[in-house]
Protein backbone atom coordinates (compact mmCIF):
# COMPACT_ATOMS: atom_id res chain seq x y z
CA UNK A 1 -0.01 0.10 0.04
CA UNK A 2 1.21 3.49 -0.87
CA UNK A 3 0.77 5.95 1.47
CA UNK A 4 1.02 9.27 -0.60
CA UNK A 5 1.97 12.90 1.07
CA UNK A 6 0.36 15.13 -0.79
CA UNK A 7 -3.20 15.21 -2.86
CA UNK A 8 -1.35 15.75 -5.99
CA UNK A 9 -0.05 12.10 -6.01
CA UNK A 10 -3.48 10.55 -5.93
CA UNK A 11 -5.98 11.37 -8.17
CA UNK A 12 -9.86 11.08 -7.14
CA UNK A 13 -12.71 12.50 -5.48
CA UNK A 14 -12.60 13.27 -1.77
CA UNK A 15 -14.69 10.42 -0.27
CA UNK A 16 -17.23 13.17 1.50
CA UNK A 17 -18.27 13.41 -1.97
CA UNK A 18 -19.19 9.48 -2.67
CA UNK A 19 -19.87 8.49 1.05
CA UNK A 20 -23.16 9.84 0.95
CA UNK A 21 -24.61 7.59 -1.66
CA UNK A 22 -25.91 4.26 -0.89
CA UNK A 23 -23.49 2.44 -2.84
CA UNK A 24 -21.19 -0.11 -0.69
CA UNK A 25 -18.38 -0.60 -2.98
CA UNK A 26 -16.67 2.79 -1.89
CA UNK A 27 -16.88 1.74 1.46
CA UNK A 28 -15.61 -1.69 1.15
CA UNK A 29 -12.59 -0.31 -0.84
CA UNK A 30 -12.10 1.87 2.08
CA UNK A 31 -12.58 -0.73 4.40
CA UNK A 32 -9.84 -2.99 2.92
CA UNK A 33 -7.15 -0.04 2.46
CA UNK A 34 -8.14 0.65 6.25
CA UNK A 35 -7.31 -3.04 7.03
CA UNK A 36 -4.22 -2.85 5.13
CA UNK A 37 -2.71 0.20 7.12
CA UNK A 38 -3.90 -1.47 10.75
CA UNK A 39 -2.13 -4.66 9.94
CA UNK A 40 1.13 -3.07 8.64
CA UNK A 41 4.26 -3.35 10.83
CA UNK A 42 4.89 0.41 11.20
CA UNK A 43 5.93 1.68 14.50
CA UNK A 44 4.96 5.62 14.99
CA UNK A 45 6.23 6.82 17.98
CA UNK A 46 3.07 8.50 19.11
CA UNK A 47 0.39 6.33 20.57
CA UNK A 48 -3.41 7.65 20.34
CA UNK A 49 -5.58 7.22 23.65
CA UNK A 50 -8.75 8.02 24.54
CA UNK A 51 -7.25 10.53 27.05
CA UNK A 52 -5.80 12.08 24.00
CA UNK A 53 -8.94 12.32 22.04
CA UNK A 54 -10.49 13.99 25.27
CA UNK A 55 -8.05 16.67 25.29
CA UNK A 56 -8.39 17.47 21.90
CA UNK A 57 -12.25 17.48 22.31
CA UNK A 58 -11.94 19.81 25.67
CA UNK A 59 -9.90 22.39 23.79
CA UNK A 60 -12.33 22.72 21.12
CA UNK A 61 -15.34 22.82 23.79
CA UNK A 62 -13.49 26.22 25.15
CA UNK A 63 -14.34 28.05 22.31
CA UNK A 64 -18.13 26.86 22.40
CA UNK A 65 -18.11 27.52 26.24
CA UNK A 66 -17.06 31.25 25.59
CA UNK A 67 -19.57 31.85 22.77
CA UNK A 68 -22.43 30.02 24.66
CA UNK A 69 -21.56 30.58 28.40
CA UNK A 70 -25.36 29.54 29.40
CA UNK A 71 -24.36 25.99 28.20
CA UNK A 72 -21.19 25.34 30.29
CA UNK A 73 -22.52 23.72 33.34
CA UNK A 74 -23.87 21.04 30.49
CA UNK A 75 -20.78 20.97 28.40
CA UNK A 76 -18.91 20.12 31.54
CA UNK A 77 -21.23 17.30 32.75
CA UNK A 78 -20.92 15.52 28.88
CA UNK A 79 -16.84 16.06 29.59
CA UNK A 80 -17.32 14.43 32.62
CA UNK A 81 -19.17 11.56 31.62
CA UNK A 82 -16.87 11.05 28.66
CA UNK A 83 -13.90 10.71 31.23
CA UNK A 84 -15.67 8.04 33.01
CA UNK A 85 -16.46 6.29 30.00
CA UNK A 86 -13.00 6.54 28.80
CA UNK A 87 -11.69 4.56 31.46
CA UNK A 88 -14.13 1.80 30.80
CA UNK A 89 -13.72 1.51 27.14
CA UNK A 90 -9.84 1.79 26.83
CA UNK A 91 -8.02 1.19 23.38
CA UNK A 92 -7.78 -2.40 23.54
CA UNK A 93 -5.32 -2.59 20.41
CA UNK A 94 -2.04 -1.30 19.59
CA UNK A 95 -1.96 -0.98 15.59
CA UNK A 96 -1.32 1.79 13.38
CA UNK A 97 -3.91 4.18 12.56
CA UNK A 98 -4.49 7.30 10.44
CA UNK A 99 -5.29 9.24 13.48
CA UNK A 100 -7.58 12.01 11.66
CA UNK A 101 -9.45 10.18 9.40
CA UNK A 102 -12.28 12.00 7.82
CA UNK A 103 -13.88 11.91 4.26
CA UNK A 104 -11.54 14.58 2.99
CA UNK A 105 -8.33 12.82 3.85
CA UNK A 106 -9.55 10.13 1.41
CA UNK A 107 -9.61 10.45 -2.48
CA UNK A 108 -11.89 7.81 -4.23
CA UNK A 109 -11.86 6.63 -7.58
CA UNK A 110 -12.81 3.27 -9.17
CA UNK A 111 -9.02 2.46 -9.96
CA UNK A 112 -8.15 2.98 -6.40
CA UNK A 113 -7.93 4.55 -2.95
CA UNK A 114 -5.59 7.25 -1.56
CA UNK A 115 -5.19 8.69 1.96
CA UNK A 116 -3.65 11.94 2.80
CA UNK A 117 -2.56 13.69 5.90
CA UNK A 118 -0.36 11.42 7.40
CA UNK A 119 0.95 13.82 10.48
CA UNK A 120 -1.41 11.97 13.02
CA UNK A 121 -0.32 8.70 12.24
CA UNK A 122 0.06 6.72 15.72
CA UNK A 123 -0.44 3.49 17.41
CA UNK A 124 -3.72 3.36 18.71
CA UNK A 125 -7.05 1.19 18.47
CA UNK A 126 -8.12 0.63 14.58
CA UNK A 127 -11.88 1.16 15.60
CA UNK A 128 -10.77 4.83 16.45
CA UNK A 129 -10.46 5.65 12.67
CA UNK A 130 -13.67 3.83 11.41
CA UNK A 131 -15.38 5.37 14.53
CA UNK A 132 -14.05 8.78 12.66
CA UNK A 133 -14.71 8.26 9.46
CA UNK A 134 -18.43 6.97 10.13
CA UNK A 135 -19.07 9.90 12.29
CA UNK A 136 -18.72 12.26 9.58
CA UNK A 137 -21.00 10.31 7.32
CA UNK A 138 -24.04 12.02 8.06
CA UNK A 139 -22.65 15.60 8.44
CA UNK A 140 -23.42 16.38 4.92
CA UNK A 141 -27.00 14.89 4.67
CA UNK A 142 -29.97 16.28 5.39
CA UNK A 143 -31.31 12.94 6.45
CA UNK A 144 -29.23 10.21 8.44
CA UNK A 145 -27.33 7.64 6.49
CA UNK A 146 -28.18 4.19 7.09
CA UNK A 147 -25.03 2.49 9.29
CA UNK A 148 -25.89 -0.78 8.98
CA UNK A 149 -25.82 -0.80 5.05
CA UNK A 150 -22.25 0.89 5.68
CA UNK A 151 -21.05 -1.70 8.65
CA UNK A 152 -22.13 -4.71 6.18
CA UNK A 153 -19.96 -3.46 3.33
CA UNK A 154 -17.04 -2.98 5.43
CA UNK A 155 -16.78 -6.69 5.43
């Protein structure tokens, strides 16, 4: 598998433009590429943990709290709940992950898949990459995507 460094090296459409379509092949192709990545013998220095993700989320919420101070107590409650859950659901695997996988980081064409923006390459749980990608599938849609159809295509 080739790990391109810039979008100019791979031709294709950003996956954000493809992933809202109810076609399973693009998801299956991305799943195969992720399976290759997650099984590679890479040892990046960075280890991604739930604590890292919570720290990033906490940083992002600072701006929300400043803009909407009336939600500060509720947001703090959500953060406390996520902190508690993170201790119960630790990352169980230590495999290479992209670490910042969104549809705009994947270039899709019928001839192949390219993944760009590797600065967050880390060791972590491969389900983190899958979850982060799936979390963005409904962001550009007026109605929710059927995750059961998408999940079946990862096979």
